[in-house]
Amino acid sequence: MTITALLFASYADLLGRESVELDLPPGATVREALSRIRALPGGSALPPAPLVAVNLAYARPDAVLAPGDEVAVIPPVAGG
């Protein structure tokens, strides 16, 4: 199955792109998607447990993904 991972701000800078399509096996989890992202050049700099949303809703690492899902990897945000 194919999912789209969206990368924002510093994460997009680290990986040199704002999105990436990932081919994952059926029943793959958010954790597995993050593992695939970490394997990309620059991906090893992602924190151990980044904030993730699947289809605009926050998701846990064990959430099961479906074909066509959109996984957003959200960097920390500081305000003032």
Protein backbone atom coordinates (compact mmCIF):
# COMPACT_ATOMS: atom_id res chain seq x y z
CA MET A 1 0.00 0.00 0.00
CA THR A 2 1.11 3.56 -0.60
CA ILE A 3 0.83 6.40 1.91
CA THR A 4 2.01 10.00 1.72
CA ALA A 5 4.18 11.40 4.51
CA LEU A 6 4.12 15.18 4.89
CA LEU A 7 7.14 16.87 6.44
CA PHE A 8 7.07 20.39 7.86
CA ALA A 9 9.57 23.10 8.82
CA SER A 10 12.81 21.63 10.22
CA TYR A 11 11.83 18.07 9.24
CA ALA A 12 11.36 19.13 5.61
CA ASP A 13 14.72 20.89 5.78
CA LEU A 14 16.43 17.78 7.19
CA LEU A 15 15.09 15.53 4.45
CA GLY A 16 15.21 18.12 1.67
CA ARG A 17 11.56 17.69 0.70
CA GLU A 18 8.08 18.42 1.96
CA SER A 19 6.54 15.04 1.23
CA VAL A 20 7.45 11.49 0.36
CA GLU A 21 5.40 8.54 -0.82
CA LEU A 22 6.08 5.33 1.07
CA ASP A 23 5.24 1.79 0.00
CA LEU A 24 4.36 -0.18 3.12
CA PRO A 25 2.97 -3.66 3.66
CA PRO A 26 -0.74 -4.01 4.47
CA GLY A 27 -1.36 -3.48 8.18
CA ALA A 28 1.70 -1.25 8.62
CA THR A 29 1.67 1.16 11.55
CA VAL A 30 2.72 4.75 12.10
CA ARG A 31 5.83 3.36 13.80
CA GLU A 32 6.77 1.51 10.61
CA ALA A 33 6.20 4.61 8.48
CA LEU A 34 8.49 6.61 10.78
CA SER A 35 11.10 3.88 10.49
CA ARG A 36 11.01 4.19 6.70
CA ILE A 37 11.34 7.97 6.94
CA ARG A 38 14.31 7.62 9.30
CA ALA A 39 16.01 5.40 6.70
CA LEU A 40 15.96 8.25 4.15
CA PRO A 41 18.94 10.63 3.87
CA GLY A 42 18.60 13.12 6.74
CA GLY A 43 15.88 11.08 8.42
CA SER A 44 18.10 9.84 11.23
CA ALA A 45 17.86 13.33 12.77
CA LEU A 46 14.14 12.88 13.55
CA PRO A 47 13.45 12.64 17.29
CA PRO A 48 12.58 9.22 18.77
CA ALA A 49 8.87 10.05 19.14
CA PRO A 50 7.76 12.92 16.89
CA LEU A 51 4.18 14.14 16.95
CA VAL A 52 2.23 12.48 14.11
CA ALA A 53 -1.20 12.99 12.59
CA VAL A 54 -2.95 10.60 10.22
CA ASN A 55 -5.57 12.20 7.99
CA LEU A 56 -5.60 15.34 10.17
CA ALA A 57 -6.06 13.51 13.51
CA TYR A 58 -3.26 12.93 16.00
CA ALA A 59 -2.16 9.29 15.96
CA ARG A 60 -0.23 6.94 18.21
CA PRO A 61 2.75 4.93 16.96
CA ASP A 62 0.70 1.73 16.95
CA ALA A 63 -2.08 3.17 14.76
CA VAL A 64 -2.65 0.98 11.69
CA LEU A 65 -2.43 2.76 8.35
CA ALA A 66 -4.63 2.25 5.29
CA PRO A 67 -3.82 2.75 1.61
CA GLY A 68 -3.87 6.42 0.66
CA ASP A 69 -3.47 7.70 4.22
CA GLU A 70 -1.71 11.01 4.74
CA VAL A 71 0.78 10.95 7.62
CA ALA A 72 2.00 14.33 8.86
CA VAL A 73 5.20 14.43 10.90
CA ILE A 74 4.86 17.56 13.01
CA PRO A 75 7.92 19.33 14.43
CA PRO A 76 7.90 21.09 17.81
CA VAL A 77 6.52 24.61 17.66
CA ALA A 78 7.68 27.45 19.86
CA GLY A 79 5.62 30.53 20.37
CA GLY A 80 6.10 33.89 21.89
